């Protein structure tokens, strides 16, 4: 019999996956997506490029948007993840972003 060692990263990934599934039920009930994080990537004068991650009843959607000033709002990039794919993807990008997602989801479930 082999013992599988659970690392902190694995635990955080599993916890985020569980929270995403629970949040999807809330998003379905309310009919509105839940914000996971919003980061400004670049800001110039009154224009900005932001990365915004939301969860709906089926998917996590990450979009890079430009807006403000004389720039019409535009989606530059869009990624769609299942609840199983997103935790691993976000962990590979940034542990801080993963923690931010967990904080937002925990807050959403308290409200």
PDB file of N, CA and C in Angstrom:
ATOM      1  N   UNK A   1       0.839  -1.169   0.000  1.00  0.00           N
ATOM      2  CA  UNK A   1       0.000   0.000   0.000  1.00  0.00           C
ATOM      3  C   UNK A   1       0.891   1.243   0.000  1.00  0.00           C
ATOM      4  N   UNK A   2       0.634   2.161  -0.909  1.00  0.00           N
ATOM      5  CA  UNK A   2       1.449   3.371  -0.966  1.00  0.00           C
ATOM      6  C   UNK A   2       0.688   4.538  -0.343  1.00  0.00           C
ATOM      7  N   UNK A   3       1.402   5.339   0.387  1.00  0.00           N
ATOM      8  CA  UNK A   3       0.813   6.531   0.995  1.00  0.00           C
ATOM      9  C   UNK A   3       1.065   7.721   0.089  1.00  0.00           C
ATOM     10  N   UNK A   4      -0.009   8.405  -0.240  1.00  0.00           N
ATOM     11  CA  UNK A   4       0.136   9.599  -1.073  1.00  0.00           C
ATOM     12  C   UNK A   4       0.281  10.801  -0.152  1.00  0.00           C
ATOM     13  N   UNK A   5       1.354  11.517  -0.343  1.00  0.00           N
ATOM     14  CA  UNK A   5       1.585  12.713   0.457  1.00  0.00           C
ATOM     15  C   UNK A   5       0.842  13.872  -0.181  1.00  0.00           C
ATOM     16  N   UNK A   6       0.034  14.519   0.591  1.00  0.00           N
ATOM     17  CA  UNK A   6      -0.723  15.671   0.102  1.00  0.00           C
ATOM     18  C   UNK A   6       0.089  16.923   0.406  1.00  0.00           C
ATOM     19  N   UNK A   7       0.391  17.669  -0.626  1.00  0.00           N
ATOM     20  CA  UNK A   7       1.137  18.906  -0.434  1.00  0.00           C
ATOM     21  C   UNK A   7       0.160  20.056  -0.210  1.00  0.00           C
ATOM     22  N   UNK A   8       0.688  21.149   0.275  1.00  0.00           N
ATOM     23  CA  UNK A   8      -0.131  22.336   0.491  1.00  0.00           C
ATOM     24  C   UNK A   8      -0.726  22.822  -0.832  1.00  0.00           C
ATOM     25  N   UNK A   9       0.061  22.794  -1.906  1.00  0.00           N
ATOM     26  CA  UNK A   9      -0.435  23.216  -3.218  1.00  0.00           C
ATOM     27  C   UNK A   9      -1.600  22.342  -3.669  1.00  0.00           C
ATOM     28  N   UNK A  10      -1.456  21.027  -3.504  1.00  0.00           N
ATOM     29  CA  UNK A  10      -2.537  20.114  -3.883  1.00  0.00           C
ATOM     30  C   UNK A  10      -3.798  20.408  -3.075  1.00  0.00           C
ATOM     31  N   UNK A  11      -3.617  20.669  -1.798  1.00  0.00           N
ATOM     32  CA  UNK A  11      -4.749  20.962  -0.927  1.00  0.00           C
ATOM     33  C   UNK A  11      -5.451  22.244  -1.360  1.00  0.00           C
ATOM     34  N   UNK A  12      -4.665  23.282  -1.698  1.00  0.00           N
ATOM     35  CA  UNK A  12      -5.251  24.552  -2.137  1.00  0.00           C
ATOM     36  C   UNK A  12      -5.985  24.379  -3.463  1.00  0.00           C
ATOM     37  N   UNK A  13      -5.422  23.605  -4.375  1.00  0.00           N
ATOM     38  CA  UNK A  13      -6.068  23.342  -5.664  1.00  0.00           C
ATOM     39  C   UNK A  13      -7.393  22.614  -5.444  1.00  0.00           C
ATOM     40  N   UNK A  14      -7.384  21.626  -4.575  1.00  0.00           N
ATOM     41  CA  UNK A  14      -8.612  20.874  -4.279  1.00  0.00           C
ATOM     42  C   UNK A  14      -9.654  21.774  -3.612  1.00  0.00           C
ATOM     43  N   UNK A  15      -9.212  22.590  -2.686  1.00  0.00           N
ATOM     44  CA  UNK A  15     -10.120  23.513  -1.986  1.00  0.00           C
ATOM     45  C   UNK A  15     -10.744  24.496  -2.964  1.00  0.00           C
ATOM     46  N   UNK A  16      -9.953  25.051  -3.885  1.00  0.00           N
ATOM     47  CA  UNK A  16     -10.493  25.978  -4.871  1.00  0.00           C
ATOM     48  C   UNK A  16     -11.516  25.284  -5.759  1.00  0.00           C
ATOM     49  N   UNK A  17     -11.224  24.068  -6.195  1.00  0.00           N
ATOM     50  CA  UNK A  17     -12.180  23.325  -7.014  1.00  0.00           C
ATOM     51  C   UNK A  17     -13.509  23.133  -6.299  1.00  0.00           C
ATOM     52  N   UNK A  18     -13.459  22.788  -5.012  1.00  0.00           N
ATOM     53  CA  UNK A  18     -14.683  22.631  -4.218  1.00  0.00           C
ATOM     54  C   UNK A  18     -15.445  23.948  -4.116  1.00  0.00           C
ATOM     55  N   UNK A  19     -14.727  25.033  -3.859  1.00  0.00           N
ATOM     56  CA  UNK A  19     -15.365  26.354  -3.734  1.00  0.00           C
ATOM     57  C   UNK A  19     -15.996  26.791  -5.064  1.00  0.00           C
ATOM     58  N   UNK A  20     -15.328  26.478  -6.181  1.00  0.00           N
ATOM     59  CA  UNK A  20     -15.882  26.833  -7.487  1.00  0.00           C
ATOM     60  C   UNK A  20     -17.212  26.128  -7.728  1.00  0.00           C
ATOM     61  N   UNK A  21     -17.280  24.869  -7.385  1.00  0.00           N
ATOM     62  CA  UNK A  21     -18.530  24.106  -7.573  1.00  0.00           C
ATOM     63  C   UNK A  21     -19.660  24.683  -6.718  1.00  0.00           C
ATOM     64  N   UNK A  22     -19.346  25.044  -5.484  1.00  0.00           N
ATOM     65  CA  UNK A  22     -20.359  25.642  -4.605  1.00  0.00           C
ATOM     66  C   UNK A  22     -20.775  27.021  -5.124  1.00  0.00           C
ATOM     67  N   UNK A  23     -19.809  27.800  -5.589  1.00  0.00           N
ATOM     68  CA  UNK A  23     -20.118  29.134  -6.108  1.00  0.00           C
ATOM     69  C   UNK A  23     -20.960  29.053  -7.378  1.00  0.00           C
ATOM     70  N   UNK A  24     -20.761  28.018  -8.168  1.00  0.00           N
ATOM     71  CA  UNK A  24     -21.548  27.874  -9.398  1.00  0.00           C
ATOM     72  C   UNK A  24     -23.028  27.693  -9.074  1.00  0.00           C
ATOM     73  N   UNK A  25     -23.332  27.060  -7.962  1.00  0.00           N
ATOM     74  CA  UNK A  25     -24.723  26.906  -7.533  1.00  0.00           C
ATOM     75  C   UNK A  25     -25.302  28.270  -7.177  1.00  0.00           C
ATOM     76  N   UNK A  26     -24.532  29.089  -6.479  1.00  0.00           N
ATOM     77  CA  UNK A  26     -24.973  30.444  -6.136  1.00  0.00           C
ATOM     78  C   UNK A  26     -25.176  31.264  -7.401  1.00  0.00           C
ATOM     79  N   UNK A  27     -24.240  31.177  -8.348  1.00  0.00           N
ATOM     80  CA  UNK A  27     -24.355  31.927  -9.608  1.00  0.00           C
ATOM     81  C   UNK A  27     -25.606  31.497 -10.376  1.00  0.00           C
ATOM     82  N   UNK A  28     -25.906  30.222 -10.341  1.00  0.00           N
ATOM     83  CA  UNK A  28     -27.099  29.706 -11.019  1.00  0.00           C
ATOM     84  C   UNK A  28     -28.364  30.239 -10.354  1.00  0.00           C
ATOM     85  N   UNK A  29     -28.395  30.226  -9.043  1.00  0.00           N
ATOM     86  CA  UNK A  29     -29.573  30.709  -8.295  1.00  0.00           C
ATOM     87  C   UNK A  29     -29.809  32.200  -8.494  1.00  0.00           C
ATOM     88  N   UNK A  30     -28.726  32.984  -8.471  1.00  0.00           N
ATOM     89  CA  UNK A  30     -28.867  34.446  -8.563  1.00  0.00           C
ATOM     90  C   UNK A  30     -28.950  34.935 -10.002  1.00  0.00           C
ATOM     91  N   UNK A  31     -28.482  34.114 -10.932  1.00  0.00           N
ATOM     92  CA  UNK A  31     -28.481  34.522 -12.328  1.00  0.00           C
ATOM     93  C   UNK A  31     -27.407  35.550 -12.662  1.00  0.00           C
ATOM     94  N   UNK A  32     -26.389  35.646 -11.807  1.00  0.00           N
ATOM     95  CA  UNK A  32     -25.288  36.588 -12.075  1.00  0.00           C
ATOM     96  C   UNK A  32     -23.954  35.908 -11.813  1.00  0.00           C
ATOM     97  N   UNK A  33     -22.941  36.266 -12.609  1.00  0.00           N
ATOM     98  CA  UNK A  33     -21.620  35.673 -12.379  1.00  0.00           C
ATOM     99  C   UNK A  33     -21.005  36.189 -11.081  1.00  0.00           C
ATOM    100  N   UNK A  34     -20.050  35.434 -10.561  1.00  0.00           N
ATOM    101  CA  UNK A  34     -19.335  35.801  -9.342  1.00  0.00           C
ATOM    102  C   UNK A  34     -17.906  36.175  -9.718  1.00  0.00           C
ATOM    103  N   UNK A  35     -17.471  37.310  -9.240  1.00  0.00           N
ATOM    104  CA  UNK A  35     -16.116  37.794  -9.522  1.00  0.00           C
ATOM    105  C   UNK A  35     -15.100  37.019  -8.696  1.00  0.00           C
ATOM    106  N   UNK A  36     -14.079  36.472  -9.365  1.00  0.00           N
ATOM    107  CA  UNK A  36     -12.990  35.782  -8.677  1.00  0.00           C
ATOM    108  C   UNK A  36     -11.817  36.718  -8.423  1.00  0.00           C
ATOM    109  N   UNK A  37     -11.460  37.509  -9.432  1.00  0.00           N
ATOM    110  CA  UNK A  37     -10.433  38.527  -9.262  1.00  0.00           C
ATOM    111  C   UNK A  37     -10.500  39.510 -10.419  1.00  0.00           C
ATOM    112  N   UNK A  38      -9.907  40.664 -10.177  1.00  0.00           N
ATOM    113  CA  UNK A  38      -9.828  41.716 -11.187  1.00  0.00           C
ATOM    114  C   UNK A  38      -8.476  42.394 -11.009  1.00  0.00           C
ATOM    115  N   UNK A  39      -7.625  42.305 -12.029  1.00  0.00           N
ATOM    116  CA  UNK A  39      -6.285  42.879 -11.958  1.00  0.00           C
ATOM    117  C   UNK A  39      -6.061  43.853 -13.106  1.00  0.00           C
ATOM    118  N   UNK A  40      -5.539  45.006 -12.773  1.00  0.00           N
ATOM    119  CA  UNK A  40      -5.153  45.965 -13.803  1.00  0.00           C
ATOM    120  C   UNK A  40      -3.787  45.547 -14.327  1.00  0.00           C
ATOM    121  N   UNK A  41      -3.721  45.293 -15.636  1.00  0.00           N
ATOM    122  CA  UNK A  41      -2.461  44.879 -16.255  1.00  0.00           C
ATOM    123  C   UNK A  41      -1.651  46.084 -16.705  1.00  0.00           C
ATOM    124  N   UNK A  42      -2.368  47.085 -17.217  1.00  0.00           N
ATOM    125  CA  UNK A  42      -1.691  48.284 -17.714  1.00  0.00           C
ATOM    126  C   UNK A  42      -2.660  49.440 -17.620  1.00  0.00           C
ATOM    127  N   UNK A  43      -2.136  50.607 -17.262  1.00  0.00           N
ATOM    128  CA  UNK A  43      -2.963  51.796 -17.158  1.00  0.00           C
ATOM    129  C   UNK A  43      -2.208  52.955 -17.784  1.00  0.00           C
ATOM    130  N   UNK A  44      -2.871  53.681 -18.658  1.00  0.00           N
ATOM    131  CA  UNK A  44      -2.257  54.815 -19.332  1.00  0.00           C
ATOM    132  C   UNK A  44      -3.301  55.910 -19.450  1.00  0.00           C
ATOM    133  N   UNK A  45      -3.020  57.061 -18.861  1.00  0.00           N
ATOM    134  CA  UNK A  45      -3.984  58.157 -18.804  1.00  0.00           C
ATOM    135  C   UNK A  45      -5.305  57.644 -18.249  1.00  0.00           C
ATOM    136  N   UNK A  46      -6.347  57.671 -19.054  1.00  0.00           N
ATOM    137  CA  UNK A  46      -7.656  57.222 -18.567  1.00  0.00           C
ATOM    138  C   UNK A  46      -8.054  55.875 -19.167  1.00  0.00           C
ATOM    139  N   UNK A  47      -7.132  55.212 -19.837  1.00  0.00           N
ATOM    140  CA  UNK A  47      -7.411  53.905 -20.429  1.00  0.00           C
ATOM    141  C   UNK A  47      -6.736  52.821 -19.596  1.00  0.00           C
ATOM    142  N   UNK A  48      -7.321  51.635 -19.631  1.00  0.00           N
ATOM    143  CA  UNK A  48      -6.763  50.534 -18.843  1.00  0.00           C
ATOM    144  C   UNK A  48      -6.962  49.210 -19.564  1.00  0.00           C
ATOM    145  N   UNK A  49      -6.066  48.287 -19.242  1.00  0.00           N
ATOM    146  CA  UNK A  49      -6.207  46.902 -19.671  1.00  0.00           C
ATOM    147  C   UNK A  49      -6.306  46.083 -18.387  1.00  0.00           C
ATOM    148  N   UNK A  50      -7.375  45.312 -18.270  1.00  0.00           N
ATOM    149  CA  UNK A  50      -7.622  44.543 -17.059  1.00  0.00           C
ATOM    150  C   UNK A  50      -7.855  43.075 -17.380  1.00  0.00           C
ATOM    151  N   UNK A  51      -7.478  42.231 -16.435  1.00  0.00           N
ATOM    152  CA  UNK A  51      -7.804  40.815 -16.501  1.00  0.00           C
ATOM    153  C   UNK A  51      -8.871  40.565 -15.433  1.00  0.00           C
ATOM    154  N   UNK A  52      -9.995  40.007 -15.865  1.00  0.00           N
ATOM    155  CA  UNK A  52     -11.125  39.777 -14.977  1.00  0.00           C
ATOM    156  C   UNK A  52     -11.519  38.311 -15.059  1.00  0.00           C
ATOM    157  N   UNK A  53     -11.638  37.669 -13.903  1.00  0.00           N
ATOM    158  CA  UNK A  53     -12.051  36.263 -13.851  1.00  0.00           C
ATOM    159  C   UNK A  53     -13.391  36.182 -13.131  1.00  0.00           C
ATOM    160  N   UNK A  54     -14.338  35.497 -13.749  1.00  0.00           N
ATOM    161  CA  UNK A  54     -15.658  35.295 -13.158  1.00  0.00           C
ATOM    162  C   UNK A  54     -16.040  33.829 -13.271  1.00  0.00           C
ATOM    163  N   UNK A  55     -17.021  33.461 -12.468  1.00  0.00           N
ATOM    164  CA  UNK A  55     -17.551  32.106 -12.521  1.00  0.00           C
ATOM    165  C   UNK A  55     -19.050  32.200 -12.759  1.00  0.00           C
ATOM    166  N   UNK A  56     -19.544  31.366 -13.663  1.00  0.00           N
ATOM    167  CA  UNK A  56     -20.984  31.255 -13.860  1.00  0.00           C
ATOM    168  C   UNK A  56     -21.410  29.856 -13.446  1.00  0.00           C
ATOM    169  N   UNK A  57     -22.570  29.418 -13.881  1.00  0.00           N
ATOM    170  CA  UNK A  57     -23.047  28.112 -13.424  1.00  0.00           C
ATOM    171  C   UNK A  57     -22.277  26.927 -13.996  1.00  0.00           C
ATOM    172  N   UNK A  58     -21.466  27.140 -15.041  1.00  0.00           N
ATOM    173  CA  UNK A  58     -20.767  26.013 -15.658  1.00  0.00           C
ATOM    174  C   UNK A  58     -19.258  26.184 -15.831  1.00  0.00           C
ATOM    175  N   UNK A  59     -18.793  27.425 -15.911  1.00  0.00           N
ATOM    176  CA  UNK A  59     -17.397  27.656 -16.281  1.00  0.00           C
ATOM    177  C   UNK A  59     -16.774  28.808 -15.504  1.00  0.00           C
ATOM    178  N   UNK A  60     -15.443  28.838 -15.521  1.00  0.00           N
ATOM    179  CA  UNK A  60     -14.676  29.997 -15.091  1.00  0.00           C
ATOM    180  C   UNK A  60     -14.216  30.695 -16.364  1.00  0.00           C
ATOM    181  N   UNK A  61     -14.473  31.991 -16.452  1.00  0.00           N
ATOM    182  CA  UNK A  61     -14.131  32.756 -17.645  1.00  0.00           C
ATOM    183  C   UNK A  61     -13.123  33.834 -17.257  1.00  0.00           C
ATOM    184  N   UNK A  62     -11.993  33.847 -17.942  1.00  0.00           N
ATOM    185  CA  UNK A  62     -10.959  34.847 -17.721  1.00  0.00           C
ATOM    186  C   UNK A  62     -10.885  35.690 -18.994  1.00  0.00           C
ATOM    187  N   UNK A  63     -11.071  37.007 -18.829  1.00  0.00           N
ATOM    188  CA  UNK A  63     -11.047  37.910 -19.974  1.00  0.00           C
ATOM    189  C   UNK A  63     -10.031  39.012 -19.742  1.00  0.00           C
ATOM    190  N   UNK A  64      -9.367  39.406 -20.823  1.00  0.00           N
ATOM    191  CA  UNK A  64      -8.510  40.581 -20.800  1.00  0.00           C
ATOM    192  C   UNK A  64      -9.256  41.653 -21.587  1.00  0.00           C
ATOM    193  N   UNK A  65      -9.598  42.743 -20.887  1.00  0.00           N
ATOM    194  CA  UNK A  65     -10.403  43.808 -21.469  1.00  0.00           C
ATOM    195  C   UNK A  65      -9.614  45.102 -21.525  1.00  0.00           C
ATOM    196  N   UNK A  66      -9.872  45.893 -22.552  1.00  0.00           N
ATOM    197  CA  UNK A  66      -9.360  47.259 -22.608  1.00  0.00           C
ATOM    198  C   UNK A  66     -10.556  48.194 -22.588  1.00  0.00           C
ATOM    199  N   UNK A  67     -10.390  49.345 -21.907  1.00  0.00           N
ATOM    200  CA  UNK A  67     -11.488  50.309 -21.812  1.00  0.00           C
ATOM    201  C   UNK A  67     -10.974  51.652 -21.335  1.00  0.00           C
ATOM    202  N   UNK A  68     -11.805  52.659 -21.503  1.00  0.00           N
ATOM    203  CA  UNK A  68     -11.508  53.991 -20.988  1.00  0.00           C
ATOM    204  C   UNK A  68     -10.948  54.916 -22.037  1.00  0.00           C
ATOM    205  N   UNK A  69     -10.951  56.216 -21.696  1.00  0.00           N
ATOM    206  CA  UNK A  69     -10.447  57.232 -22.611  1.00  0.00           C
ATOM    207  C   UNK A  69     -11.181  57.179 -23.927  1.00  0.00           C
ATOM    208  N   UNK A  70     -10.435  57.186 -25.010  1.00  0.00           N
ATOM    209  CA  UNK A  70     -11.035  57.124 -26.341  1.00  0.00           C
ATOM    210  C   UNK A  70     -11.149  55.693 -26.852  1.00  0.00           C
ATOM    211  N   UNK A  71     -10.804  54.728 -26.011  1.00  0.00           N
ATOM    212  CA  UNK A  71     -10.831  53.317 -26.409  1.00  0.00           C
ATOM    213  C   UNK A  71     -12.206  52.735 -26.108  1.00  0.00           C
ATOM    214  N   UNK A  72     -12.835  52.193 -27.114  1.00  0.00           N
ATOM    215  CA  UNK A  72     -14.103  51.497 -26.891  1.00  0.00           C
ATOM    216  C   UNK A  72     -13.813  50.207 -26.124  1.00  0.00           C
ATOM    217  N   UNK A  73     -14.682  49.828 -25.188  1.00  0.00           N
ATOM    218  CA  UNK A  73     -14.446  48.572 -24.470  1.00  0.00           C
ATOM    219  C   UNK A  73     -14.294  47.411 -25.449  1.00  0.00           C
ATOM    220  N   UNK A  74     -13.279  46.583 -25.207  1.00  0.00           N
ATOM    221  CA  UNK A  74     -12.991  45.486 -26.128  1.00  0.00           C
ATOM    222  C   UNK A  74     -12.395  44.308 -25.360  1.00  0.00           C
ATOM    223  N   UNK A  75     -12.801  43.107 -25.742  1.00  0.00           N
ATOM    224  CA  UNK A  75     -12.233  41.882 -25.173  1.00  0.00           C
ATOM    225  C   UNK A  75     -11.021  41.504 -26.015  1.00  0.00           C
ATOM    226  N   UNK A  76      -9.836  41.553 -25.405  1.00  0.00           N
ATOM    227  CA  UNK A  76      -8.592  41.226 -26.117  1.00  0.00           C
ATOM    228  C   UNK A  76      -8.339  39.716 -26.141  1.00  0.00           C
ATOM    229  N   UNK A  77      -8.633  39.073 -25.026  1.00  0.00           N
ATOM    230  CA  UNK A  77      -8.435  37.623 -24.894  1.00  0.00           C
ATOM    231  C   UNK A  77      -9.538  37.078 -24.001  1.00  0.00           C
ATOM    232  N   UNK A  78      -9.878  35.815 -24.237  1.00  0.00           N
ATOM    233  CA  UNK A  78     -10.861  35.153 -23.378  1.00  0.00           C
ATOM    234  C   UNK A  78     -10.501  33.681 -23.244  1.00  0.00           C
ATOM    235  N   UNK A  79     -10.497  33.206 -22.016  1.00  0.00           N
ATOM    236  CA  UNK A  79     -10.222  31.806 -21.728  1.00  0.00           C
ATOM    237  C   UNK A  79     -11.416  31.243 -20.968  1.00  0.00           C
ATOM    238  N   UNK A  80     -11.800  30.038 -21.304  1.00  0.00           N
ATOM    239  CA  UNK A  80     -12.918  29.365 -20.630  1.00  0.00           C
ATOM    240  C   UNK A  80     -12.393  28.055 -20.043  1.00  0.00           C
ATOM    241  N   UNK A  81     -12.617  27.878 -18.731  1.00  0.00           N
ATOM    242  CA  UNK A  81     -12.113  26.712 -18.020  1.00  0.00           C
ATOM    243  C   UNK A  81     -13.248  25.961 -17.339  1.00  0.00           C
ATOM    244  N   UNK A  82     -13.100  24.658 -17.233  1.00  0.00           N
ATOM    245  CA  UNK A  82     -13.994  23.885 -16.386  1.00  0.00           C
ATOM    246  C   UNK A  82     -13.531  24.080 -14.942  1.00  0.00           C
ATOM    247  N   UNK A  83     -14.335  23.632 -13.998  1.00  0.00           N
ATOM    248  CA  UNK A  83     -13.974  23.761 -12.593  1.00  0.00           C
ATOM    249  C   UNK A  83     -12.779  22.881 -12.230  1.00  0.00           C
ATOM    250  N   UNK A  84     -12.510  21.859 -13.029  1.00  0.00           N
ATOM    251  CA  UNK A  84     -11.341  21.014 -12.797  1.00  0.00           C
ATOM    252  C   UNK A  84     -10.071  21.621 -13.387  1.00  0.00           C
ATOM    253  N   UNK A  85     -10.187  22.340 -14.492  1.00  0.00           N
ATOM    254  CA  UNK A  85      -9.024  22.917 -15.176  1.00  0.00           C
ATOM    255  C   UNK A  85      -8.510  24.184 -14.503  1.00  0.00           C
ATOM    256  N   UNK A  86      -9.411  25.040 -14.055  1.00  0.00           N
ATOM    257  CA  UNK A  86      -9.018  26.361 -13.574  1.00  0.00           C
ATOM    258  C   UNK A  86      -8.063  26.340 -12.373  1.00  0.00           C
ATOM    259  N   UNK A  87      -8.318  25.548 -11.324  1.00  0.00           N
ATOM    260  CA  UNK A  87      -7.412  25.602 -10.163  1.00  0.00           C
ATOM    261  C   UNK A  87      -5.947  25.316 -10.514  1.00  0.00           C
ATOM    262  N   UNK A  88      -5.708  24.347 -11.373  1.00  0.00           N
ATOM    263  CA  UNK A  88      -4.334  24.030 -11.778  1.00  0.00           C
ATOM    264  C   UNK A  88      -3.738  25.185 -12.596  1.00  0.00           C
ATOM    265  N   UNK A  89      -4.533  25.747 -13.506  1.00  0.00           N
ATOM    266  CA  UNK A  89      -4.075  26.854 -14.344  1.00  0.00           C
ATOM    267  C   UNK A  89      -3.700  28.062 -13.497  1.00  0.00           C
ATOM    268  N   UNK A  90      -4.566  28.415 -12.550  1.00  0.00           N
ATOM    269  CA  UNK A  90      -4.304  29.604 -11.733  1.00  0.00           C
ATOM    270  C   UNK A  90      -3.119  29.370 -10.796  1.00  0.00           C
ATOM    271  N   UNK A  91      -2.953  28.162 -10.291  1.00  0.00           N
ATOM    272  CA  UNK A  91      -1.806  27.853  -9.434  1.00  0.00           C
ATOM    273  C   UNK A  91      -0.507  28.001 -10.222  1.00  0.00           C
ATOM    274  N   UNK A  92      -0.512  27.571 -11.473  1.00  0.00           N
ATOM    275  CA  UNK A  92       0.677  27.711 -12.313  1.00  0.00           C
ATOM    276  C   UNK A  92       0.981  29.170 -12.636  1.00  0.00           C
ATOM    277  N   UNK A  93      -0.034  30.003 -12.680  1.00  0.00           N
ATOM    278  CA  UNK A  93       0.174  31.437 -12.933  1.00  0.00           C
ATOM    279  C   UNK A  93       0.684  32.150 -11.705  1.00  0.00           C
ATOM    280  N   UNK A  94      -0.040  31.936 -10.571  1.00  0.00           N
ATOM    281  CA  UNK A  94       0.322  32.690  -9.373  1.00  0.00           C
ATOM    282  C   UNK A  94      -0.398  32.145  -8.149  1.00  0.00           C
ATOM    283  N   UNK A  95       0.357  31.802  -7.149  1.00  0.00           N
ATOM    284  CA  UNK A  95      -0.248  31.342  -5.892  1.00  0.00           C
ATOM    285  C   UNK A  95      -1.052  32.484  -5.267  1.00  0.00           C
ATOM    286  N   UNK A  96      -0.581  33.731  -5.426  1.00  0.00           N
ATOM    287  CA  UNK A  96      -1.311  34.886  -4.881  1.00  0.00           C
ATOM    288  C   UNK A  96      -2.692  35.022  -5.525  1.00  0.00           C
ATOM    289  N   UNK A  97      -2.778  34.803  -6.841  1.00  0.00           N
ATOM    290  CA  UNK A  97      -4.077  34.861  -7.511  1.00  0.00           C
ATOM    291  C   UNK A  97      -4.999  33.749  -7.013  1.00  0.00           C
ATOM    292  N   UNK A  98      -4.449  32.568  -6.793  1.00  0.00           N
ATOM    293  CA  UNK A  98      -5.251  31.468  -6.259  1.00  0.00           C
ATOM    294  C   UNK A  98      -5.803  31.845  -4.887  1.00  0.00           C
ATOM    295  N   UNK A  99      -4.966  32.412  -4.033  1.00  0.00           N
ATOM    296  CA  UNK A  99      -5.417  32.831  -2.712  1.00  0.00           C
ATOM    297  C   UNK A  99      -6.467  33.931  -2.801  1.00  0.00           C
ATOM    298  N   UNK A 100      -6.296  34.838  -3.753  1.00  0.00           N
ATOM    299  CA  UNK A 100      -7.286  35.892  -3.957  1.00  0.00           C
ATOM    300  C   UNK A 100      -8.636  35.301  -4.368  1.00  0.00           C
ATOM    301  N   UNK A 101      -8.616  34.297  -5.232  1.00  0.00           N
ATOM    302  CA  UNK A 101      -9.842  33.605  -5.642  1.00  0.00           C
ATOM    303  C   UNK A 101     -10.524  32.962  -4.439  1.00  0.00           C
ATOM    304  N   UNK A 102      -9.736  32.280  -3.611  1.00  0.00           N
ATOM    305  CA  UNK A 102     -10.294  31.643  -2.415  1.00  0.00           C
ATOM    306  C   UNK A 102     -10.913  32.677  -1.478  1.00  0.00           C
ATOM    307  N   UNK A 103     -10.248  33.811  -1.294  1.00  0.00           N
ATOM    308  CA  UNK A 103     -10.781  34.863  -0.439  1.00  0.00           C
ATOM    309  C   UNK A 103     -12.099  35.397  -0.975  1.00  0.00           C
ATOM    310  N   UNK A 104     -12.159  35.662  -2.282  1.00  0.00           N
ATOM    311  CA  UNK A 104     -13.389  36.173  -2.888  1.00  0.00           C
ATOM    312  C   UNK A 104     -14.525  35.168  -2.752  1.00  0.00           C
ATOM    313  N   UNK A 105     -14.227  33.897  -2.978  1.00  0.00           N
ATOM    314  CA  UNK A 105     -15.265  32.870  -2.874  1.00  0.00           C
ATOM    315  C   UNK A 105     -15.734  32.700  -1.427  1.00  0.00           C
ATOM    316  N   UNK A 106     -14.802  32.718  -0.490  1.00  0.00           N
ATOM    317  CA  UNK A 106     -15.182  32.622   0.919  1.00  0.00           C
ATOM    318  C   UNK A 106     -16.075  33.788   1.306  1.00  0.00           C
ATOM    319  N   UNK A 107     -15.743  34.997   0.843  1.00  0.00           N
ATOM    320  CA  UNK A 107     -16.551  36.188   1.145  1.00  0.00           C
ATOM    321  C   UNK A 107     -17.931  36.078   0.513  1.00  0.00           C
ATOM    322  N   UNK A 108     -17.987  35.599  -0.713  1.00  0.00           N
ATOM    323  CA  UNK A 108     -19.258  35.445  -1.424  1.00  0.00           C
ATOM    324  C   UNK A 108     -20.181  34.464  -0.684  1.00  0.00           C
ATOM    325  N   UNK A 109     -19.606  33.433  -0.125  1.00  0.00           N
ATOM    326  CA  UNK A 109     -20.418  32.416   0.565  1.00  0.00           C
ATOM    327  C   UNK A 109     -20.870  32.890   1.937  1.00  0.00           C
ATOM    328  N   UNK A 110     -20.197  33.909   2.483  1.00  0.00           N
ATOM    329  CA  UNK A 110     -20.619  34.476   3.760  1.00  0.00           C
ATOM    330  C   UNK A 110     -21.765  35.464   3.579  1.00  0.00           C
ATOM    331  N   UNK A 111     -21.811  36.111   2.418  1.00  0.00           N
ATOM    332  CA  UNK A 111     -22.851  37.138   2.173  1.00  0.00           C
ATOM    333  C   UNK A 111     -24.227  36.534   2.032  1.00  0.00           C
TER     334      UNK A 111
END
